[in-house]
N, C-alpha and C. Protein backbone atom coordinates (compact mmCIF):
# COMPACT_ATOMS: atom_id res chain seq x y z
N MET A 1 -77.46 -31.42 138.80
CA MET A 1 -77.49 -31.03 137.17
C MET A 1 -79.30 -31.22 137.15
N VAL A 2 -79.82 -29.90 136.47
CA VAL A 2 -81.01 -29.54 136.06
C VAL A 2 -81.47 -30.35 135.03
N GLY A 3 -82.10 -30.56 134.89
CA GLY A 3 -83.06 -31.85 133.99
C GLY A 3 -81.86 -32.68 133.57
N VAL A 4 -82.61 -33.86 132.49
CA VAL A 4 -81.48 -34.74 132.22
C VAL A 4 -80.97 -34.63 130.94
N LYS A 5 -79.39 -34.58 130.77
CA LYS A 5 -78.88 -34.35 130.19
C LYS A 5 -78.46 -35.32 128.09
N ARG A 6 -78.64 -35.00 127.76
CA ARG A 6 -78.23 -35.77 126.59
C ARG A 6 -76.61 -35.98 126.06
N VAL A 7 -76.13 -37.13 125.85
CA VAL A 7 -74.46 -36.83 125.45
C VAL A 7 -74.40 -37.94 124.57
N ILE A 8 -73.51 -37.24 123.48
CA ILE A 8 -72.96 -38.36 122.55
C ILE A 8 -70.90 -38.36 122.88
N ILE A 9 -71.24 -39.55 122.52
CA ILE A 9 -69.15 -39.69 123.30
C ILE A 9 -68.90 -40.51 121.09
N ILE A 10 -67.98 -39.88 120.61
CA ILE A 10 -67.57 -40.24 119.56
C ILE A 10 -66.35 -40.47 119.85
N ASP A 11 -65.78 -41.70 119.26
CA ASP A 11 -65.11 -42.56 119.84
C ASP A 11 -64.99 -43.79 119.38
N ASP A 12 -63.60 -44.18 118.45
CA ASP A 12 -63.56 -45.21 118.14
C ASP A 12 -63.22 -46.58 118.63
N ASP A 13 -62.71 -45.99 119.88
CA ASP A 13 -62.32 -46.75 121.25
C ASP A 13 -63.57 -47.42 122.03
N LYS A 14 -63.50 -48.73 122.07
CA LYS A 14 -65.01 -49.53 122.33
C LYS A 14 -64.49 -49.50 123.74
N ASN A 15 -63.45 -49.76 124.30
CA ASN A 15 -63.39 -49.54 126.07
C ASN A 15 -63.79 -47.88 126.40
N ILE A 16 -63.42 -47.02 126.10
CA ILE A 16 -63.67 -45.92 126.08
C ILE A 16 -65.34 -45.30 126.14
N LEU A 17 -65.54 -46.04 125.17
CA LEU A 17 -67.05 -45.78 125.12
C LEU A 17 -67.61 -46.52 125.87
N SER A 18 -67.35 -47.61 126.49
CA SER A 18 -68.02 -48.31 127.30
C SER A 18 -67.82 -47.66 128.72
N ILE A 19 -66.70 -47.31 128.99
CA ILE A 19 -66.31 -46.79 130.55
C ILE A 19 -67.17 -45.46 130.56
N PHE A 20 -67.24 -44.58 129.10
CA PHE A 20 -67.73 -43.33 129.69
C PHE A 20 -69.09 -43.29 129.73
N THR A 21 -69.24 -44.36 128.90
CA THR A 21 -71.04 -44.34 128.95
C THR A 21 -71.65 -44.70 130.54
N SER A 22 -71.01 -45.62 131.07
CA SER A 22 -71.11 -46.29 132.33
C SER A 22 -71.28 -45.24 133.52
N ILE A 23 -70.19 -44.36 133.33
CA ILE A 23 -69.86 -43.32 133.87
C ILE A 23 -70.94 -42.47 133.92
N LEU A 24 -71.34 -42.31 132.74
CA LEU A 24 -72.62 -40.80 132.83
C LEU A 24 -74.04 -41.48 132.86
N LYS A 25 -74.54 -42.57 132.85
CA LYS A 25 -75.37 -43.15 133.04
C LYS A 25 -75.56 -43.41 134.23
N ARG A 26 -74.68 -43.51 135.07
CA ARG A 26 -74.66 -43.54 136.56
C ARG A 26 -75.23 -42.37 137.10
N LYS A 27 -74.46 -41.10 136.38
CA LYS A 27 -74.90 -39.95 136.51
C LYS A 27 -76.50 -39.02 136.28
N GLY A 28 -77.00 -40.48 135.46
CA GLY A 28 -77.96 -39.67 135.33
C GLY A 28 -78.35 -39.34 133.67
N TYR A 29 -77.16 -39.21 132.81
CA TYR A 29 -77.17 -38.62 131.57
C TYR A 29 -77.77 -39.83 130.77
N ILE A 30 -78.61 -39.56 129.86
CA ILE A 30 -78.77 -39.96 128.38
C ILE A 30 -77.82 -40.13 127.21
N VAL A 31 -76.83 -40.89 127.06
CA VAL A 31 -76.25 -41.17 126.34
C VAL A 31 -76.09 -42.16 125.07
N ASP A 32 -75.50 -41.63 123.69
CA ASP A 32 -75.70 -42.39 122.81
C ASP A 32 -73.87 -41.98 122.74
N THR A 33 -73.79 -43.31 121.44
CA THR A 33 -72.45 -43.31 121.08
C THR A 33 -72.05 -43.59 119.20
N ALA A 34 -70.67 -43.17 118.96
CA ALA A 34 -71.07 -43.20 117.78
C ALA A 34 -69.25 -44.16 117.47
N GLU A 35 -68.99 -44.46 116.47
CA GLU A 35 -67.58 -45.43 116.36
C GLU A 35 -67.08 -44.62 114.96
N SER A 36 -67.32 -43.59 114.55
CA SER A 36 -66.90 -43.05 113.06
C SER A 36 -67.51 -41.82 113.02
N GLY A 37 -66.85 -41.04 112.25
CA GLY A 37 -67.50 -39.30 111.87
C GLY A 37 -68.76 -39.42 111.16
N LYS A 38 -68.73 -40.45 110.05
CA LYS A 38 -70.15 -40.90 109.51
C LYS A 38 -71.38 -41.06 110.54
N GLU A 39 -71.16 -42.13 111.59
CA GLU A 39 -72.23 -42.45 112.48
C GLU A 39 -72.47 -41.30 113.28
N ALA A 40 -71.25 -40.52 113.50
CA ALA A 40 -71.61 -39.40 114.70
C ALA A 40 -72.84 -38.20 113.88
N LEU A 41 -72.02 -37.92 112.36
CA LEU A 41 -73.31 -37.03 111.99
C LEU A 41 -74.43 -37.72 111.44
N GLU A 42 -74.35 -38.97 111.49
CA GLU A 42 -76.32 -39.22 110.94
C GLU A 42 -76.50 -38.59 112.45
N LYS A 43 -76.28 -39.92 113.72
CA LYS A 43 -76.74 -39.18 115.07
C LYS A 43 -77.26 -37.65 115.38
N ILE A 44 -75.83 -36.57 115.26
CA ILE A 44 -75.96 -35.50 115.32
C ILE A 44 -77.46 -35.02 114.53
N SER A 45 -77.82 -35.31 113.25
CA SER A 45 -78.88 -34.36 112.32
C SER A 45 -79.96 -35.22 112.75
N ARG A 46 -80.02 -36.35 113.35
CA ARG A 46 -81.23 -36.70 113.85
C ARG A 46 -81.57 -36.20 115.41
N GLU A 47 -80.67 -36.27 116.22
CA GLU A 47 -80.91 -35.81 117.49
C GLU A 47 -80.20 -34.34 117.84
N GLN A 48 -80.61 -33.91 119.20
CA GLN A 48 -80.44 -33.12 119.81
C GLN A 48 -79.59 -33.37 121.14
N TYR A 49 -78.42 -32.94 121.27
CA TYR A 49 -77.12 -33.21 121.94
C TYR A 49 -77.11 -32.17 122.81
N ASP A 50 -76.73 -31.84 124.38
CA ASP A 50 -76.42 -30.99 124.99
C ASP A 50 -74.75 -31.38 125.30
N VAL A 51 -73.96 -32.34 124.91
CA VAL A 51 -72.98 -32.33 125.14
C VAL A 51 -72.28 -33.35 123.98
N ALA A 52 -71.24 -32.80 123.42
CA ALA A 52 -70.60 -33.90 122.70
C ALA A 52 -69.15 -33.94 122.88
N LEU A 53 -68.90 -35.44 122.76
CA LEU A 53 -67.35 -36.40 123.78
C LEU A 53 -66.73 -36.52 122.00
N VAL A 54 -65.93 -35.77 121.94
CA VAL A 54 -65.58 -35.97 120.34
C VAL A 54 -64.04 -36.34 120.37
N ASP A 55 -63.71 -37.76 120.47
CA ASP A 55 -62.08 -38.15 119.47
C ASP A 55 -61.57 -37.47 118.91
N VAL A 56 -60.47 -36.84 118.64
CA VAL A 56 -59.79 -36.85 117.76
C VAL A 56 -59.33 -37.47 116.49
N VAL A 57 -58.79 -38.76 116.74
CA VAL A 57 -58.66 -39.46 115.75
C VAL A 57 -59.63 -40.90 115.71
N LEU A 58 -60.53 -40.44 114.40
CA LEU A 58 -61.19 -41.82 114.16
C LEU A 58 -61.17 -42.27 112.93
N PRO A 59 -61.61 -43.32 112.65
CA PRO A 59 -61.54 -44.06 111.23
C PRO A 59 -61.54 -43.46 110.30
N ASP A 60 -62.47 -42.85 110.19
CA ASP A 60 -62.77 -41.85 109.08
C ASP A 60 -63.22 -40.81 108.86
N ALA A 61 -62.27 -40.14 109.93
CA ALA A 61 -62.13 -38.46 110.11
C ALA A 61 -61.50 -37.55 111.06
N ASN A 62 -61.00 -36.07 110.98
CA ASN A 62 -60.50 -36.08 112.54
C ASN A 62 -61.65 -35.59 113.07
N GLY A 63 -61.11 -35.56 114.42
CA GLY A 63 -62.63 -35.36 115.12
C GLY A 63 -62.89 -33.37 115.21
N LEU A 64 -61.40 -32.99 115.23
CA LEU A 64 -61.54 -31.33 115.01
C LEU A 64 -62.26 -30.93 113.72
N ASP A 65 -62.59 -31.66 112.39
CA ASP A 65 -63.00 -31.37 111.45
C ASP A 65 -64.62 -31.63 111.85
N LEU A 66 -64.93 -32.15 112.56
CA LEU A 66 -65.94 -32.43 113.21
C LEU A 66 -67.39 -31.66 113.81
N LEU A 67 -65.92 -30.87 114.63
CA LEU A 67 -67.03 -29.78 115.49
C LEU A 67 -67.42 -28.78 114.90
N GLY A 68 -67.13 -28.29 113.74
CA GLY A 68 -67.80 -27.36 113.11
C GLY A 68 -69.02 -27.80 112.63
N SER A 69 -69.66 -29.59 112.32
CA SER A 69 -71.03 -29.72 111.86
C SER A 69 -71.81 -29.99 113.16
N ILE A 70 -70.81 -29.84 114.49
CA ILE A 70 -71.73 -30.09 115.66
C ILE A 70 -72.55 -28.57 116.05
N PRO A 71 -73.76 -28.75 116.01
CA PRO A 71 -74.42 -27.28 116.37
C PRO A 71 -74.07 -26.34 117.41
N SER A 72 -74.17 -25.60 117.68
CA SER A 72 -73.45 -24.56 118.53
C SER A 72 -73.56 -24.56 119.52
N GLU A 73 -75.01 -25.01 119.88
CA GLU A 73 -75.64 -24.99 121.28
C GLU A 73 -75.38 -26.19 122.16
N THR A 74 -74.34 -27.25 121.30
CA THR A 74 -74.19 -28.23 121.95
C THR A 74 -72.38 -27.83 122.41
N LYS A 75 -71.98 -28.56 124.03
CA LYS A 75 -70.98 -28.09 124.48
C LYS A 75 -70.08 -29.00 123.84
N LYS A 76 -69.05 -28.74 123.05
CA LYS A 76 -67.74 -29.44 122.42
C LYS A 76 -67.01 -30.04 123.39
N ILE A 77 -66.55 -31.39 123.62
CA ILE A 77 -65.41 -31.48 124.55
C ILE A 77 -64.65 -32.57 123.82
N VAL A 78 -63.39 -32.10 123.43
CA VAL A 78 -62.27 -32.89 122.48
C VAL A 78 -61.56 -33.77 123.14
N ILE A 79 -61.32 -35.06 123.03
CA ILE A 79 -60.40 -36.02 123.67
C ILE A 79 -59.77 -36.55 122.93
N THR A 80 -58.20 -36.40 123.40
CA THR A 80 -57.03 -37.09 122.69
C THR A 80 -56.27 -37.71 123.42
N GLY A 81 -55.30 -38.18 122.81
CA GLY A 81 -54.42 -39.24 122.96
C GLY A 81 -52.51 -38.17 122.99
N THR A 82 -52.98 -37.48 122.23
CA THR A 82 -51.47 -36.41 122.04
C THR A 82 -51.93 -35.12 122.49
N GLN A 83 -51.30 -34.51 122.94
CA GLN A 83 -51.67 -33.07 123.59
C GLN A 83 -50.59 -32.19 122.24
N ARG A 84 -51.44 -31.44 120.92
CA ARG A 84 -50.58 -31.13 120.19
C ARG A 84 -51.11 -29.23 120.24
N GLU A 85 -50.04 -28.42 120.40
CA GLU A 85 -50.75 -26.45 120.38
C GLU A 85 -51.66 -26.67 119.05
N GLU A 86 -51.17 -27.03 118.16
CA GLU A 86 -52.13 -27.14 116.63
C GLU A 86 -53.88 -27.52 116.87
N GLY A 87 -53.76 -28.69 117.25
CA GLY A 87 -54.95 -29.23 117.88
C GLY A 87 -55.85 -28.24 118.83
N LEU A 88 -54.89 -28.26 119.89
CA LEU A 88 -55.71 -27.55 120.52
C LEU A 88 -56.32 -26.19 120.23
N ARG A 89 -55.15 -25.29 119.59
CA ARG A 89 -55.79 -23.97 118.42
C ARG A 89 -56.88 -24.84 117.74
N LYS A 90 -57.13 -25.10 117.10
CA LYS A 90 -58.53 -25.44 116.23
C LYS A 90 -59.57 -25.97 117.12
N ALA A 91 -59.60 -26.64 117.88
CA ALA A 91 -60.48 -26.94 118.61
C ALA A 91 -60.84 -25.59 119.49
N THR A 92 -60.21 -24.66 120.04
CA THR A 92 -60.67 -23.54 120.49
C THR A 92 -61.42 -22.80 119.90
N SER A 93 -60.82 -22.89 118.50
CA SER A 93 -61.31 -21.61 117.11
C SER A 93 -62.78 -22.75 116.58
N GLU A 94 -62.91 -24.08 117.00
CA GLU A 94 -64.39 -24.33 116.58
C GLU A 94 -64.94 -24.55 117.69
N GLY A 95 -64.87 -24.03 118.68
CA GLY A 95 -65.75 -23.52 119.53
C GLY A 95 -65.94 -24.44 120.76
N ALA A 96 -64.61 -25.67 120.94
CA ALA A 96 -64.76 -26.53 122.00
C ALA A 96 -64.32 -25.61 123.44
N TYR A 97 -65.49 -26.07 124.67
CA TYR A 97 -65.50 -26.11 125.75
C TYR A 97 -64.40 -26.86 126.32
N ALA A 98 -64.11 -27.37 126.15
CA ALA A 98 -62.69 -28.44 126.77
C ALA A 98 -62.04 -29.37 126.13
N TYR A 99 -60.75 -29.41 126.32
CA TYR A 99 -59.63 -30.41 125.44
C TYR A 99 -59.24 -31.19 126.51
N LEU A 100 -59.46 -32.59 126.54
CA LEU A 100 -59.06 -33.52 127.28
C LEU A 100 -57.96 -34.26 127.18
N LEU A 101 -57.14 -34.59 127.87
CA LEU A 101 -55.64 -35.59 127.61
C LEU A 101 -56.06 -36.74 128.04
N LYS A 102 -55.99 -38.28 127.11
CA LYS A 102 -56.40 -39.40 127.51
C LYS A 102 -54.93 -39.62 128.16
N PRO A 103 -55.13 -40.43 129.78
CA PRO A 103 -56.40 -41.25 129.97
C PRO A 103 -57.18 -40.04 130.83
N VAL A 104 -58.06 -40.19 130.79
CA VAL A 104 -58.98 -39.37 131.42
C VAL A 104 -59.81 -39.77 132.83
N LYS A 105 -59.39 -39.19 133.62
CA LYS A 105 -60.01 -39.77 135.23
C LYS A 105 -61.31 -39.62 135.13
N PRO A 106 -62.15 -40.72 135.57
CA PRO A 106 -63.92 -40.42 135.72
C PRO A 106 -64.27 -39.21 136.61
N GLU A 107 -63.57 -38.38 137.84
CA GLU A 107 -63.95 -37.50 138.17
C GLU A 107 -63.88 -35.94 137.53
N LYS A 108 -62.35 -36.35 136.70
CA LYS A 108 -62.69 -35.09 135.76
C LYS A 108 -63.73 -34.81 134.75
N LEU A 109 -64.25 -36.20 133.89
CA LEU A 109 -65.03 -36.34 133.36
C LEU A 109 -66.28 -35.86 133.47
N GLN A 110 -66.92 -35.94 135.01
CA GLN A 110 -67.90 -36.01 135.46
C GLN A 110 -68.12 -34.58 135.35
N LEU A 111 -67.03 -34.16 136.29
CA LEU A 111 -66.74 -32.47 136.28
C LEU A 111 -66.49 -31.66 134.95
N ILE A 112 -66.13 -32.33 133.89
CA ILE A 112 -66.16 -31.34 133.03
C ILE A 112 -67.94 -31.28 132.10
N VAL A 113 -68.42 -32.53 132.03
CA VAL A 113 -69.85 -32.45 131.45
C VAL A 113 -70.72 -32.02 132.10
N ASP A 114 -70.53 -31.88 133.53
CA ASP A 114 -71.55 -31.53 134.21
C ASP A 114 -71.51 -30.00 134.28
């Protein structure tokens, strides 16, 4: 990894936030988290991120709808508990770099984010 990368994890599951944060911080990433679409949009408006990990199901938003609000230079990685064809199509059309199915193995998370 060249330089330190900044990552935002957008998920309402506190366990996922904790685990993903721990994995990525150990790899040297600067990590922010957001538990809702509103919180994510506030942070994205103030900070530039290299990578955004976005859960599809959030308490106040559909994560796929958030993708269009994330700057195009940010790599968007969608995380979901269900594999649905229309979700994959929308994620791809909104510029998602990857589409990961939960549970995500730590090695796969590191590989995709790297």
